Amino acid sequence: MIRQTSTMLLLALFAGAPAVVGCEKTVHEKKTTETNRDGSVTTEKQKTTVDNDGTRKTETERKTTP
């Protein structure tokens, strides 16, 4: 009985964790590449996500490589 209960509890934990935590959905993704006069390349990535509660988050990442 204890073995069956612990197994069911473990399965409920793995199945219920994603439902409680949720996940974010990517709604927009944009990548821009620009070559500068000195030959370096600037890459900018912009990503907009929406959480389950409706909050939007925009992340911008910018890299310059020589």
PDB file of N, CA and C in Angstrom:
ATOM      1  N   MET A   1       0.823  -1.198   0.000  1.00  0.00           N
ATOM      2  CA  MET A   1       0.000   0.000   0.000  1.00  0.00           C
ATOM      3  C   MET A   1       0.864   1.257   0.000  1.00  0.00           C
ATOM      4  N   ILE A   2       1.915   1.271   0.803  1.00  0.00           N
ATOM      5  CA  ILE A   2       2.798   2.435   0.863  1.00  0.00           C
ATOM      6  C   ILE A   2       3.529   2.600  -0.466  1.00  0.00           C
ATOM      7  N   ARG A   3       3.921   1.487  -1.056  1.00  0.00           N
ATOM      8  CA  ARG A   3       4.621   1.545  -2.344  1.00  0.00           C
ATOM      9  C   ARG A   3       3.730   2.139  -3.424  1.00  0.00           C
ATOM     10  N   GLN A   4       2.486   1.723  -3.469  1.00  0.00           N
ATOM     11  CA  GLN A   4       1.544   2.236  -4.466  1.00  0.00           C
ATOM     12  C   GLN A   4       1.260   3.719  -4.224  1.00  0.00           C
ATOM     13  N   THR A   5       1.122   4.119  -2.978  1.00  0.00           N
ATOM     14  CA  THR A   5       0.863   5.522  -2.650  1.00  0.00           C
ATOM     15  C   THR A   5       2.041   6.402  -3.038  1.00  0.00           C
ATOM     16  N   SER A   6       3.253   5.957  -2.747  1.00  0.00           N
ATOM     17  CA  SER A   6       4.429   6.753  -3.095  1.00  0.00           C
ATOM     18  C   SER A   6       4.601   6.848  -4.609  1.00  0.00           C
ATOM     19  N   THR A   7       4.274   5.780  -5.331  1.00  0.00           N
ATOM     20  CA  THR A   7       4.346   5.810  -6.791  1.00  0.00           C
ATOM     21  C   THR A   7       3.333   6.790  -7.366  1.00  0.00           C
ATOM     22  N   MET A   8       2.132   6.780  -6.859  1.00  0.00           N
ATOM     23  CA  MET A   8       1.095   7.710  -7.321  1.00  0.00           C
ATOM     24  C   MET A   8       1.452   9.156  -6.989  1.00  0.00           C
ATOM     25  N   LEU A   9       2.044   9.373  -5.833  1.00  0.00           N
ATOM     26  CA  LEU A   9       2.459  10.714  -5.441  1.00  0.00           C
ATOM     27  C   LEU A   9       3.564  11.229  -6.367  1.00  0.00           C
ATOM     28  N   LEU A  10       4.498  10.379  -6.710  1.00  0.00           N
ATOM     29  CA  LEU A  10       5.571  10.746  -7.616  1.00  0.00           C
ATOM     30  C   LEU A  10       5.041  11.067  -9.007  1.00  0.00           C
ATOM     31  N   LEU A  11       4.118  10.263  -9.508  1.00  0.00           N
ATOM     32  CA  LEU A  11       3.519  10.533 -10.815  1.00  0.00           C
ATOM     33  C   LEU A  11       2.723  11.831 -10.807  1.00  0.00           C
ATOM     34  N   ALA A  12       2.006  12.100  -9.735  1.00  0.00           N
ATOM     35  CA  ALA A  12       1.241  13.345  -9.632  1.00  0.00           C
ATOM     36  C   ALA A  12       2.163  14.554  -9.605  1.00  0.00           C
ATOM     37  N   LEU A  13       3.319  14.401  -8.962  1.00  0.00           N
ATOM     38  CA  LEU A  13       4.284  15.495  -8.913  1.00  0.00           C
ATOM     39  C   LEU A  13       4.797  15.830 -10.312  1.00  0.00           C
ATOM     40  N   PHE A  14       5.168  14.810 -11.074  1.00  0.00           N
ATOM     41  CA  PHE A  14       5.680  15.054 -12.423  1.00  0.00           C
ATOM     42  C   PHE A  14       4.608  15.557 -13.381  1.00  0.00           C
ATOM     43  N   ALA A  15       3.402  15.095 -13.236  1.00  0.00           N
ATOM     44  CA  ALA A  15       2.319  15.516 -14.116  1.00  0.00           C
ATOM     45  C   ALA A  15       1.785  16.889 -13.732  1.00  0.00           C
ATOM     46  N   GLY A  16       1.797  17.223 -12.459  1.00  0.00           N
ATOM     47  CA  GLY A  16       1.209  18.475 -11.989  1.00  0.00           C
ATOM     48  C   GLY A  16       2.142  19.656 -12.031  1.00  0.00           C
ATOM     49  N   ALA A  17       3.439  19.434 -12.026  1.00  0.00           N
ATOM     50  CA  ALA A  17       4.402  20.542 -11.996  1.00  0.00           C
ATOM     51  C   ALA A  17       4.281  21.460 -13.215  1.00  0.00           C
ATOM     52  N   PRO A  18       4.203  20.957 -14.444  1.00  0.00           N
ATOM     53  CA  PRO A  18       4.054  21.868 -15.587  1.00  0.00           C
ATOM     54  C   PRO A  18       2.747  22.651 -15.559  1.00  0.00           C
ATOM     55  N   ALA A  19       1.709  22.069 -15.008  1.00  0.00           N
ATOM     56  CA  ALA A  19       0.425  22.771 -14.952  1.00  0.00           C
ATOM     57  C   ALA A  19       0.475  23.925 -13.963  1.00  0.00           C
ATOM     58  N   VAL A  20       1.213  23.773 -12.889  1.00  0.00           N
ATOM     59  CA  VAL A  20       1.328  24.824 -11.880  1.00  0.00           C
ATOM     60  C   VAL A  20       2.275  25.922 -12.354  1.00  0.00           C
ATOM     61  N   VAL A  21       3.402  25.536 -12.908  1.00  0.00           N
ATOM     62  CA  VAL A  21       4.414  26.495 -13.330  1.00  0.00           C
ATOM     63  C   VAL A  21       3.999  27.186 -14.616  1.00  0.00           C
ATOM     64  N   GLY A  22       3.483  26.455 -15.557  1.00  0.00           N
ATOM     65  CA  GLY A  22       3.101  27.019 -16.849  1.00  0.00           C
ATOM     66  C   GLY A  22       4.312  27.205 -17.745  1.00  0.00           C
ATOM     67  N   CYS A  23       4.080  27.733 -18.910  1.00  0.00           N
ATOM     68  CA  CYS A  23       5.178  28.007 -19.816  1.00  0.00           C
ATOM     69  C   CYS A  23       4.848  29.269 -20.597  1.00  0.00           C
ATOM     70  N   GLU A  24       5.880  29.845 -21.158  1.00  0.00           N
ATOM     71  CA  GLU A  24       5.664  31.068 -21.920  1.00  0.00           C
ATOM     72  C   GLU A  24       5.609  30.743 -23.410  1.00  0.00           C
ATOM     73  N   LYS A  25       4.909  31.575 -24.134  1.00  0.00           N
ATOM     74  CA  LYS A  25       4.709  31.370 -25.559  1.00  0.00           C
ATOM     75  C   LYS A  25       5.397  32.503 -26.306  1.00  0.00           C
ATOM     76  N   THR A  26       6.219  32.170 -27.287  1.00  0.00           N
ATOM     77  CA  THR A  26       6.889  33.179 -28.100  1.00  0.00           C
ATOM     78  C   THR A  26       5.907  33.692 -29.146  1.00  0.00           C
ATOM     79  N   VAL A  27       5.662  35.014 -29.133  1.00  0.00           N
ATOM     80  CA  VAL A  27       4.710  35.586 -30.079  1.00  0.00           C
ATOM     81  C   VAL A  27       5.394  36.360 -31.195  1.00  0.00           C
ATOM     82  N   HIS A  28       6.646  36.790 -30.951  1.00  0.00           N
ATOM     83  CA  HIS A  28       7.349  37.554 -31.983  1.00  0.00           C
ATOM     84  C   HIS A  28       8.847  37.348 -31.796  1.00  0.00           C
ATOM     85  N   GLU A  29       9.546  37.124 -32.909  1.00  0.00           N
ATOM     86  CA  GLU A  29      10.992  36.971 -32.866  1.00  0.00           C
ATOM     87  C   GLU A  29      11.579  37.664 -34.086  1.00  0.00           C
ATOM     88  N   LYS A  30      12.584  38.514 -33.863  1.00  0.00           N
ATOM     89  CA  LYS A  30      13.170  39.295 -34.949  1.00  0.00           C
ATOM     90  C   LYS A  30      14.689  39.267 -34.820  1.00  0.00           C
ATOM     91  N   LYS A  31      15.382  39.054 -35.942  1.00  0.00           N
ATOM     92  CA  LYS A  31      16.846  39.032 -35.957  1.00  0.00           C
ATOM     93  C   LYS A  31      17.328  39.981 -37.042  1.00  0.00           C
ATOM     94  N   THR A  32      18.209  40.918 -36.661  1.00  0.00           N
ATOM     95  CA  THR A  32      18.735  41.905 -37.584  1.00  0.00           C
ATOM     96  C   THR A  32      20.255  41.805 -37.596  1.00  0.00           C
ATOM     97  N   THR A  33      20.846  41.748 -38.792  1.00  0.00           N
ATOM     98  CA  THR A  33      22.294  41.702 -38.935  1.00  0.00           C
ATOM     99  C   THR A  33      22.737  42.910 -39.740  1.00  0.00           C
ATOM    100  N   GLU A  34      23.781  43.589 -39.239  1.00  0.00           N
ATOM    101  CA  GLU A  34      24.269  44.805 -39.894  1.00  0.00           C
ATOM    102  C   GLU A  34      25.790  44.748 -39.956  1.00  0.00           C
ATOM    103  N   THR A  35      26.356  45.056 -41.137  1.00  0.00           N
ATOM    104  CA  THR A  35      27.803  45.107 -41.308  1.00  0.00           C
ATOM    105  C   THR A  35      28.248  46.561 -41.224  1.00  0.00           C
ATOM    106  N   ASN A  36      29.189  46.824 -40.324  1.00  0.00           N
ATOM    107  CA  ASN A  36      29.680  48.188 -40.116  1.00  0.00           C
ATOM    108  C   ASN A  36      30.803  48.508 -41.106  1.00  0.00           C
ATOM    109  N   ARG A  37      31.196  49.776 -41.165  1.00  0.00           N
ATOM    110  CA  ARG A  37      32.249  50.202 -42.097  1.00  0.00           C
ATOM    111  C   ARG A  37      33.599  49.560 -41.794  1.00  0.00           C
ATOM    112  N   ASP A  38      33.862  49.298 -40.507  1.00  0.00           N
ATOM    113  CA  ASP A  38      35.163  48.722 -40.141  1.00  0.00           C
ATOM    114  C   ASP A  38      35.205  47.205 -40.337  1.00  0.00           C
ATOM    115  N   GLY A  39      34.153  46.611 -40.847  1.00  0.00           N
ATOM    116  CA  GLY A  39      34.117  45.191 -41.141  1.00  0.00           C
ATOM    117  C   GLY A  39      33.504  44.346 -40.037  1.00  0.00           C
ATOM    118  N   SER A  40      33.202  44.957 -38.904  1.00  0.00           N
ATOM    119  CA  SER A  40      32.575  44.197 -37.821  1.00  0.00           C
ATOM    120  C   SER A  40      31.090  43.980 -38.131  1.00  0.00           C
ATOM    121  N   VAL A  41      30.536  42.946 -37.539  1.00  0.00           N
ATOM    122  CA  VAL A  41      29.145  42.594 -37.772  1.00  0.00           C
ATOM    123  C   VAL A  41      28.380  42.727 -36.457  1.00  0.00           C
ATOM    124  N   THR A  42      27.273  43.462 -36.496  1.00  0.00           N
ATOM    125  CA  THR A  42      26.415  43.640 -35.336  1.00  0.00           C
ATOM    126  C   THR A  42      25.128  42.857 -35.562  1.00  0.00           C
ATOM    127  N   THR A  43      24.823  41.960 -34.614  1.00  0.00           N
ATOM    128  CA  THR A  43      23.618  41.140 -34.688  1.00  0.00           C
ATOM    129  C   THR A  43      22.724  41.496 -33.511  1.00  0.00           C
ATOM    130  N   GLU A  44      21.452  41.761 -33.783  1.00  0.00           N
ATOM    131  CA  GLU A  44      20.500  42.082 -32.725  1.00  0.00           C
ATOM    132  C   GLU A  44      19.333  41.112 -32.812  1.00  0.00           C
ATOM    133  N   LYS A  45      19.020  40.462 -31.677  1.00  0.00           N
ATOM    134  CA  LYS A  45      17.891  39.535 -31.598  1.00  0.00           C
ATOM    135  C   LYS A  45      16.880  40.119 -30.620  1.00  0.00           C
ATOM    136  N   GLN A  46      15.635  40.137 -31.036  1.00  0.00           N
ATOM    137  CA  GLN A  46      14.559  40.647 -30.197  1.00  0.00           C
ATOM    138  C   GLN A  46      13.469  39.577 -30.127  1.00  0.00           C
ATOM    139  N   LYS A  47      13.067  39.228 -28.895  1.00  0.00           N
ATOM    140  CA  LYS A  47      12.097  38.154 -28.685  1.00  0.00           C
ATOM    141  C   LYS A  47      11.028  38.639 -27.714  1.00  0.00           C
ATOM    142  N   THR A  48       9.766  38.481 -28.095  1.00  0.00           N
ATOM    143  CA  THR A  48       8.640  38.853 -27.243  1.00  0.00           C
ATOM    144  C   THR A  48       7.890  37.586 -26.859  1.00  0.00           C
ATOM    145  N   THR A  49       7.691  37.409 -25.538  1.00  0.00           N
ATOM    146  CA  THR A  49       6.985  36.243 -25.029  1.00  0.00           C
ATOM    147  C   THR A  49       5.796  36.681 -24.186  1.00  0.00           C
ATOM    148  N   VAL A  50       4.798  35.785 -24.090  1.00  0.00           N
ATOM    149  CA  VAL A  50       3.615  36.029 -23.269  1.00  0.00           C
ATOM    150  C   VAL A  50       3.486  34.872 -22.283  1.00  0.00           C
ATOM    151  N   ASP A  51       3.349  35.192 -20.990  1.00  0.00           N
ATOM    152  CA  ASP A  51       3.145  34.176 -19.959  1.00  0.00           C
ATOM    153  C   ASP A  51       1.681  33.766 -19.922  1.00  0.00           C
ATOM    154  N   ASN A  52       1.380  32.749 -19.114  1.00  0.00           N
ATOM    155  CA  ASN A  52       0.004  32.271 -18.989  1.00  0.00           C
ATOM    156  C   ASN A  52      -0.923  33.326 -18.405  1.00  0.00           C
ATOM    157  N   ASP A  53      -0.390  34.213 -17.549  1.00  0.00           N
ATOM    158  CA  ASP A  53      -1.238  35.241 -16.941  1.00  0.00           C
ATOM    159  C   ASP A  53      -1.411  36.465 -17.832  1.00  0.00           C
ATOM    160  N   GLY A  54      -0.812  36.470 -19.024  1.00  0.00           N
ATOM    161  CA  GLY A  54      -1.019  37.544 -19.993  1.00  0.00           C
ATOM    162  C   GLY A  54       0.055  38.615 -19.994  1.00  0.00           C
ATOM    163  N   THR A  55       1.066  38.503 -19.142  1.00  0.00           N
ATOM    164  CA  THR A  55       2.125  39.511 -19.132  1.00  0.00           C
ATOM    165  C   THR A  55       3.077  39.286 -20.303  1.00  0.00           C
ATOM    166  N   ARG A  56       3.450  40.403 -20.937  1.00  0.00           N
ATOM    167  CA  ARG A  56       4.373  40.359 -22.071  1.00  0.00           C
ATOM    168  C   ARG A  56       5.767  40.727 -21.605  1.00  0.00           C
ATOM    169  N   LYS A  57       6.774  40.080 -22.200  1.00  0.00           N
ATOM    170  CA  LYS A  57       8.160  40.366 -21.864  1.00  0.00           C
ATOM    171  C   LYS A  57       8.953  40.407 -23.163  1.00  0.00           C
ATOM    172  N   THR A  58       9.707  41.489 -23.354  1.00  0.00           N
ATOM    173  CA  THR A  58      10.538  41.637 -24.544  1.00  0.00           C
ATOM    174  C   THR A  58      12.003  41.619 -24.128  1.00  0.00           C
ATOM    175  N   GLU A  59      12.779  40.749 -24.758  1.00  0.00           N
ATOM    176  CA  GLU A  59      14.203  40.632 -24.484  1.00  0.00           C
ATOM    177  C   GLU A  59      14.971  41.014 -25.736  1.00  0.00           C
ATOM    178  N   THR A  60      16.012  41.826 -25.565  1.00  0.00           N
ATOM    179  CA  THR A  60      16.846  42.239 -26.673  1.00  0.00           C
ATOM    180  C   THR A  60      18.284  41.830 -26.381  1.00  0.00           C
ATOM    181  N   GLU A  61      18.920  41.181 -27.348  1.00  0.00           N
ATOM    182  CA  GLU A  61      20.304  40.739 -27.215  1.00  0.00           C
ATOM    183  C   GLU A  61      21.077  41.315 -28.390  1.00  0.00           C
ATOM    184  N   ARG A  62      22.195  41.981 -28.101  1.00  0.00           N
ATOM    185  CA  ARG A  62      22.981  42.633 -29.147  1.00  0.00           C
ATOM    186  C   ARG A  62      24.433  42.165 -29.038  1.00  0.00           C
ATOM    187  N   LYS A  63      24.991  41.691 -30.162  1.00  0.00           N
ATOM    188  CA  LYS A  63      26.373  41.218 -30.207  1.00  0.00           C
ATOM    189  C   LYS A  63      27.103  41.889 -31.359  1.00  0.00           C
ATOM    190  N   THR A  64      28.354  42.259 -31.098  1.00  0.00           N
ATOM    191  CA  THR A  64      29.214  42.804 -32.149  1.00  0.00           C
ATOM    192  C   THR A  64      30.446  41.933 -32.235  1.00  0.00           C
ATOM    193  N   THR A  65      30.705  41.394 -33.450  1.00  0.00           N
ATOM    194  CA  THR A  65      31.876  40.563 -33.654  1.00  0.00           C
ATOM    195  C   THR A  65      32.812  41.266 -34.629  1.00  0.00           C
ATOM    196  N   PRO A  66      34.107  41.260 -34.314  1.00  0.00           N
ATOM    197  CA  PRO A  66      35.069  41.936 -35.192  1.00  0.00           C
ATOM    198  C   PRO A  66      35.323  41.198 -36.475  1.00  0.00           C
TER     199      PRO A  66
END
